[in-house]
Amino acid sequence: MRRTPDAAVTSLPRAPRDEASARVRHYAITMGIRTFCFILVFAVQPMGWWTWVFAIAAAVLPYIAVVFANAGDDSVDTTVESPLMELETTAHEQQQSPQGPTVITVAETTARTAEPRP
């Protein structure tokens, strides 16, 4: 595979497959922590204030996991930089003033109806 030195690869967004696998991995980690907290609610004895912390975490973490799993990279605007836009211009090109655009006006008329031949 030939590499081009002017390609702006770092400004491209992540591949959809990589983004989806990262979201699934974060969801699985969060739900694993939630399962661990749920087990600790019943395993930690005697019950105290930390039992309530584990119970609240077990109740809130599914919501957090789903929200972060659904918020993908498409919520972040990424702009792709074109390497061609960064080319330097010569002094002669900078001094020339651009001419106004050529305007073409088309006049529309009603269509003539064909007269029947005798």
N, C-alpha and C. Protein backbone atom coordinates (compact mmCIF):
# COMPACT_ATOMS: atom_id res chain seq x y z
N MET A 1 0.85 -1.17 0.00
CA MET A 1 0.00 0.00 0.00
C MET A 1 0.90 1.24 0.00
N ARG A 2 0.67 2.14 -0.90
CA ARG A 2 1.46 3.35 -1.01
C ARG A 2 0.87 4.42 -0.12
N ARG A 3 1.70 5.10 0.61
CA ARG A 3 1.25 6.17 1.51
C ARG A 3 1.51 7.51 0.86
N THR A 4 0.55 8.40 0.99
CA THR A 4 0.73 9.74 0.47
C THR A 4 1.05 10.67 1.63
N PRO A 5 2.09 11.49 1.51
CA PRO A 5 2.48 12.34 2.64
C PRO A 5 1.52 13.50 2.90
N ASP A 6 0.66 13.85 1.93
CA ASP A 6 -0.22 14.99 2.11
C ASP A 6 -1.61 14.61 2.62
N ALA A 7 -1.83 13.35 2.93
CA ALA A 7 -3.15 12.93 3.41
C ALA A 7 -3.32 13.33 4.87
N ALA A 8 -4.45 13.91 5.20
CA ALA A 8 -4.73 14.34 6.57
C ALA A 8 -5.56 13.27 7.28
N VAL A 9 -4.93 12.18 7.62
CA VAL A 9 -5.63 11.05 8.21
C VAL A 9 -6.07 11.35 9.64
N THR A 10 -5.32 12.18 10.36
CA THR A 10 -5.67 12.43 11.76
C THR A 10 -6.95 13.22 11.91
N SER A 11 -7.40 13.91 10.88
CA SER A 11 -8.61 14.70 10.99
C SER A 11 -9.86 13.92 10.61
N LEU A 12 -9.71 12.68 10.16
CA LEU A 12 -10.87 11.87 9.79
C LEU A 12 -11.55 11.32 11.03
N PRO A 13 -12.87 11.14 10.98
CA PRO A 13 -13.56 10.54 12.13
C PRO A 13 -13.22 9.06 12.24
N ARG A 14 -13.54 8.48 13.40
CA ARG A 14 -13.28 7.05 13.60
C ARG A 14 -14.18 6.23 12.70
N ALA A 15 -13.71 5.05 12.36
CA ALA A 15 -14.51 4.13 11.56
C ALA A 15 -15.73 3.70 12.36
N PRO A 16 -16.88 3.53 11.72
CA PRO A 16 -18.09 3.13 12.46
C PRO A 16 -17.91 1.82 13.22
N ARG A 17 -17.18 0.87 12.66
CA ARG A 17 -16.97 -0.41 13.34
C ARG A 17 -16.16 -0.21 14.63
N ASP A 18 -15.12 0.64 14.57
CA ASP A 18 -14.31 0.90 15.76
C ASP A 18 -15.11 1.66 16.81
N GLU A 19 -15.93 2.60 16.36
CA GLU A 19 -16.76 3.35 17.30
C GLU A 19 -17.77 2.45 18.00
N ALA A 20 -18.41 1.56 17.24
CA ALA A 20 -19.40 0.65 17.82
C ALA A 20 -18.75 -0.31 18.81
N SER A 21 -17.56 -0.83 18.48
CA SER A 21 -16.91 -1.76 19.41
C SER A 21 -16.48 -1.05 20.69
N ALA A 22 -16.06 0.21 20.59
CA ALA A 22 -15.69 0.97 21.79
C ALA A 22 -16.92 1.23 22.66
N ARG A 23 -18.06 1.53 22.02
CA ARG A 23 -19.28 1.77 22.79
C ARG A 23 -19.76 0.51 23.49
N VAL A 24 -19.65 -0.65 22.81
CA VAL A 24 -20.05 -1.91 23.43
C VAL A 24 -19.12 -2.25 24.59
N ARG A 25 -17.81 -1.99 24.42
CA ARG A 25 -16.85 -2.26 25.49
C ARG A 25 -17.14 -1.39 26.71
N HIS A 26 -17.43 -0.09 26.51
CA HIS A 26 -17.75 0.79 27.64
C HIS A 26 -19.04 0.36 28.33
N TYR A 27 -20.03 -0.07 27.55
CA TYR A 27 -21.29 -0.54 28.12
C TYR A 27 -21.06 -1.79 28.97
N ALA A 28 -20.26 -2.72 28.45
CA ALA A 28 -20.00 -3.97 29.18
C ALA A 28 -19.23 -3.70 30.47
N ILE A 29 -18.27 -2.79 30.44
CA ILE A 29 -17.53 -2.45 31.65
C ILE A 29 -18.45 -1.82 32.69
N THR A 30 -19.30 -0.89 32.27
CA THR A 30 -20.21 -0.23 33.20
C THR A 30 -21.20 -1.23 33.80
N MET A 31 -21.72 -2.13 32.98
CA MET A 31 -22.66 -3.11 33.51
C MET A 31 -21.96 -4.14 34.40
N GLY A 32 -20.69 -4.40 34.16
CA GLY A 32 -19.93 -5.28 35.05
C GLY A 32 -19.74 -4.64 36.41
N ILE A 33 -19.46 -3.34 36.43
CA ILE A 33 -19.36 -2.61 37.70
C ILE A 33 -20.71 -2.61 38.41
N ARG A 34 -21.78 -2.48 37.65
CA ARG A 34 -23.12 -2.50 38.25
C ARG A 34 -23.42 -3.86 38.87
N THR A 35 -23.04 -4.93 38.19
CA THR A 35 -23.26 -6.28 38.73
C THR A 35 -22.45 -6.48 40.01
N PHE A 36 -21.21 -5.98 40.01
CA PHE A 36 -20.36 -6.08 41.20
C PHE A 36 -20.98 -5.31 42.37
N CYS A 37 -21.52 -4.12 42.11
CA CYS A 37 -22.18 -3.33 43.16
C CYS A 37 -23.42 -4.04 43.68
N PHE A 38 -24.16 -4.68 42.77
CA PHE A 38 -25.38 -5.40 43.18
C PHE A 38 -25.02 -6.57 44.09
N ILE A 39 -23.94 -7.28 43.78
CA ILE A 39 -23.50 -8.40 44.62
C ILE A 39 -23.04 -7.88 45.98
N LEU A 40 -22.35 -6.73 45.98
CA LEU A 40 -21.85 -6.17 47.24
C LEU A 40 -22.97 -5.71 48.17
N VAL A 41 -24.13 -5.36 47.61
CA VAL A 41 -25.26 -4.95 48.45
C VAL A 41 -25.63 -6.08 49.41
N PHE A 42 -25.60 -7.32 48.94
CA PHE A 42 -25.99 -8.45 49.78
C PHE A 42 -24.80 -9.12 50.46
N ALA A 43 -23.60 -8.93 49.93
CA ALA A 43 -22.43 -9.61 50.48
C ALA A 43 -21.82 -8.87 51.66
N VAL A 44 -21.90 -7.55 51.66
CA VAL A 44 -21.26 -6.77 52.72
C VAL A 44 -22.13 -6.80 53.97
N GLN A 45 -21.55 -7.26 55.06
CA GLN A 45 -22.26 -7.33 56.33
C GLN A 45 -21.40 -6.69 57.40
N PRO A 46 -21.84 -6.02 58.36
CA PRO A 46 -23.20 -5.56 58.60
C PRO A 46 -23.57 -4.43 57.64
N MET A 47 -24.86 -4.27 57.44
CA MET A 47 -25.33 -3.23 56.53
C MET A 47 -25.10 -1.87 57.15
N GLY A 48 -24.68 -0.95 56.33
CA GLY A 48 -24.41 0.40 56.79
C GLY A 48 -24.61 1.38 55.64
N TRP A 49 -24.00 2.54 55.74
CA TRP A 49 -24.18 3.57 54.71
C TRP A 49 -23.58 3.13 53.38
N TRP A 50 -22.52 2.30 53.38
CA TRP A 50 -21.90 1.85 52.13
C TRP A 50 -22.82 0.89 51.37
N THR A 51 -23.70 0.21 52.10
CA THR A 51 -24.68 -0.66 51.43
C THR A 51 -25.61 0.18 50.57
N TRP A 52 -26.01 1.35 51.09
CA TRP A 52 -26.87 2.25 50.31
C TRP A 52 -26.11 2.82 49.10
N VAL A 53 -24.83 3.06 49.26
CA VAL A 53 -24.02 3.56 48.13
C VAL A 53 -23.98 2.51 47.03
N PHE A 54 -23.76 1.24 47.41
CA PHE A 54 -23.75 0.17 46.41
C PHE A 54 -25.11 0.00 45.75
N ALA A 55 -26.19 0.13 46.54
CA ALA A 55 -27.55 -0.02 46.00
C ALA A 55 -27.88 1.10 45.02
N ILE A 56 -27.50 2.33 45.38
CA ILE A 56 -27.76 3.47 44.47
C ILE A 56 -26.95 3.34 43.20
N ALA A 57 -25.69 2.91 43.34
CA ALA A 57 -24.85 2.71 42.15
C ALA A 57 -25.43 1.62 41.26
N ALA A 58 -25.93 0.54 41.85
CA ALA A 58 -26.53 -0.55 41.07
C ALA A 58 -27.80 -0.09 40.36
N ALA A 59 -28.50 0.89 40.94
CA ALA A 59 -29.73 1.38 40.33
C ALA A 59 -29.46 2.44 39.26
N VAL A 60 -28.41 3.24 39.41
CA VAL A 60 -28.16 4.37 38.50
C VAL A 60 -27.27 3.98 37.31
N LEU A 61 -26.36 3.04 37.51
CA LEU A 61 -25.40 2.69 36.47
C LEU A 61 -26.03 2.18 35.16
N PRO A 62 -27.16 1.46 35.16
CA PRO A 62 -27.74 1.08 33.87
C PRO A 62 -28.15 2.29 33.02
N TYR A 63 -28.70 3.30 33.66
CA TYR A 63 -29.09 4.52 32.93
C TYR A 63 -27.85 5.18 32.33
N ILE A 64 -26.80 5.30 33.13
CA ILE A 64 -25.57 5.93 32.65
C ILE A 64 -24.96 5.12 31.52
N ALA A 65 -24.97 3.79 31.64
CA ALA A 65 -24.40 2.93 30.60
C ALA A 65 -25.15 3.08 29.28
N VAL A 66 -26.47 3.14 29.32
CA VAL A 66 -27.26 3.26 28.10
C VAL A 66 -27.07 4.63 27.46
N VAL A 67 -27.04 5.68 28.27
CA VAL A 67 -26.87 7.03 27.72
C VAL A 67 -25.52 7.16 27.03
N PHE A 68 -24.46 6.68 27.68
CA PHE A 68 -23.14 6.79 27.07
C PHE A 68 -22.98 5.85 25.87
N ALA A 69 -23.67 4.71 25.87
CA ALA A 69 -23.59 3.80 24.73
C ALA A 69 -24.31 4.38 23.52
N ASN A 70 -25.39 5.12 23.74
CA ASN A 70 -26.14 5.69 22.62
C ASN A 70 -25.53 6.99 22.12
N ALA A 71 -24.75 7.67 22.92
CA ALA A 71 -24.12 8.92 22.50
C ALA A 71 -22.82 8.57 21.78
N GLY A 72 -22.91 8.45 20.47
CA GLY A 72 -21.73 8.09 19.69
C GLY A 72 -20.94 9.30 19.25
N ASP A 73 -20.02 9.07 18.33
CA ASP A 73 -19.18 10.14 17.82
C ASP A 73 -19.96 11.09 16.91
N ASP A 74 -21.13 10.69 16.44
CA ASP A 74 -21.88 11.59 15.56
C ASP A 74 -22.43 12.78 16.32
N SER A 75 -22.38 12.77 17.64
CA SER A 75 -22.80 13.95 18.38
C SER A 75 -21.71 15.00 18.45
N VAL A 76 -20.48 14.62 18.07
CA VAL A 76 -19.35 15.54 18.04
C VAL A 76 -19.05 15.87 16.58
N ASP A 77 -19.05 17.15 16.27
CA ASP A 77 -18.80 17.57 14.89
C ASP A 77 -17.32 17.50 14.59
N THR A 78 -16.96 16.71 13.59
CA THR A 78 -15.57 16.62 13.19
C THR A 78 -15.44 17.20 11.79
N THR A 79 -14.48 18.05 11.61
CA THR A 79 -14.25 18.63 10.31
C THR A 79 -13.01 18.00 9.71
N VAL A 80 -13.13 17.60 8.48
CA VAL A 80 -12.01 16.99 7.78
C VAL A 80 -11.25 18.10 7.07
N GLU A 81 -9.97 18.16 7.35
CA GLU A 81 -9.15 19.20 6.73
C GLU A 81 -8.63 18.70 5.40
N SER A 82 -8.75 19.53 4.41
CA SER A 82 -8.24 19.17 3.10
C SER A 82 -6.81 19.67 2.97
N PRO A 83 -5.88 18.80 2.62
CA PRO A 83 -4.50 19.26 2.47
C PRO A 83 -4.33 20.19 1.27
N LEU A 84 -5.25 20.15 0.34
CA LEU A 84 -5.15 21.02 -0.84
C LEU A 84 -5.44 22.47 -0.49
N MET A 85 -6.20 22.70 0.57
CA MET A 85 -6.53 24.07 0.96
C MET A 85 -5.34 24.79 1.57
N GLU A 86 -4.32 24.07 1.96
CA GLU A 86 -3.18 24.66 2.63
C GLU A 86 -2.02 24.96 1.69
N LEU A 87 -2.23 24.84 0.39
CA LEU A 87 -1.17 25.12 -0.56
C LEU A 87 -0.89 26.62 -0.58
N GLU A 88 0.37 26.94 -0.70
CA GLU A 88 0.75 28.35 -0.72
C GLU A 88 0.53 28.93 -2.11
N THR A 89 0.15 30.19 -2.15
CA THR A 89 -0.03 30.87 -3.43
C THR A 89 1.14 31.81 -3.66
N THR A 90 1.38 32.09 -4.92
CA THR A 90 2.48 33.00 -5.24
C THR A 90 2.03 34.44 -5.02
N ALA A 91 2.98 35.35 -4.95
CA ALA A 91 2.67 36.76 -4.73
C ALA A 91 1.86 37.32 -5.89
N HIS A 92 2.11 36.84 -7.11
CA HIS A 92 1.38 37.32 -8.28
C HIS A 92 -0.11 36.97 -8.18
N GLU A 93 -0.42 35.76 -7.70
CA GLU A 93 -1.81 35.34 -7.57
C GLU A 93 -2.52 36.12 -6.46
N GLN A 94 -1.81 36.50 -5.43
CA GLN A 94 -2.42 37.24 -4.33
C GLN A 94 -2.75 38.67 -4.73
N GLN A 95 -1.97 39.27 -5.64
CA GLN A 95 -2.18 40.66 -6.00
C GLN A 95 -3.32 40.83 -6.98
N GLN A 96 -3.64 39.84 -7.75
CA GLN A 96 -4.73 39.96 -8.71
C GLN A 96 -6.06 39.98 -7.96
N SER A 97 -6.88 40.95 -8.35
CA SER A 97 -8.20 41.00 -7.73
C SER A 97 -9.13 40.08 -8.51
N PRO A 98 -9.93 39.33 -7.81
CA PRO A 98 -10.82 38.41 -8.51
C PRO A 98 -11.90 39.17 -9.27
N GLN A 99 -12.17 38.72 -10.46
CA GLN A 99 -13.22 39.32 -11.28
C GLN A 99 -14.56 38.83 -10.76
N GLY A 100 -15.58 39.64 -10.96
CA GLY A 100 -16.92 39.25 -10.54
C GLY A 100 -17.40 38.06 -11.34
N PRO A 101 -18.33 37.31 -10.82
CA PRO A 101 -18.82 36.14 -11.53
C PRO A 101 -19.60 36.55 -12.77
N THR A 102 -19.53 35.72 -13.79
CA THR A 102 -20.28 35.95 -15.01
C THR A 102 -21.73 35.55 -14.76
N VAL A 103 -22.63 36.49 -15.03
CA VAL A 103 -24.04 36.24 -14.79
C VAL A 103 -24.73 36.03 -16.13
N ILE A 104 -25.43 34.93 -16.24
CA ILE A 104 -26.19 34.63 -17.45
C ILE A 104 -27.66 34.71 -17.08
N THR A 105 -28.39 35.57 -17.81
CA THR A 105 -29.82 35.74 -17.54
C THR A 105 -30.59 35.07 -18.66
N VAL A 106 -31.56 34.27 -18.28
CA VAL A 106 -32.39 33.56 -19.25
C VAL A 106 -33.80 34.10 -19.10
N ALA A 107 -34.35 34.60 -20.21
CA ALA A 107 -35.71 35.12 -20.20
C ALA A 107 -36.65 34.01 -20.65
N GLU A 108 -37.67 33.78 -19.84
CA GLU A 108 -38.63 32.74 -20.17
C GLU A 108 -39.87 33.37 -20.78
N THR A 109 -40.36 32.77 -21.82
CA THR A 109 -41.60 33.24 -22.44
C THR A 109 -42.58 32.08 -22.47
N THR A 110 -43.84 32.42 -22.71
CA THR A 110 -44.85 31.36 -22.76
C THR A 110 -44.66 30.59 -24.05
N ALA A 111 -44.98 29.33 -23.99
CA ALA A 111 -44.85 28.46 -25.17
C ALA A 111 -45.92 28.78 -26.18
N ARG A 112 -45.54 28.82 -27.44
CA ARG A 112 -46.51 29.06 -28.49
C ARG A 112 -47.21 27.76 -28.82
N THR A 113 -48.48 27.89 -29.03
CA THR A 113 -49.24 26.69 -29.40
C THR A 113 -49.22 26.54 -30.89
N ALA A 114 -49.09 25.35 -31.31
CA ALA A 114 -49.04 25.07 -32.74
C ALA A 114 -50.45 25.20 -33.30
N GLU A 115 -50.56 25.91 -34.43
CA GLU A 115 -51.87 26.07 -35.08
C GLU A 115 -52.12 24.87 -35.98
N PRO A 116 -53.33 24.39 -35.98
CA PRO A 116 -53.64 23.22 -36.82
C PRO A 116 -53.52 23.60 -38.30
N ARG A 117 -52.99 22.70 -39.05
CA ARG A 117 -52.85 22.94 -40.51
C ARG A 117 -54.15 22.57 -41.21
N PRO A 118 -54.42 23.33 -42.25
CA PRO A 118 -55.67 23.04 -42.97
C PRO A 118 -55.62 21.84 -43.84
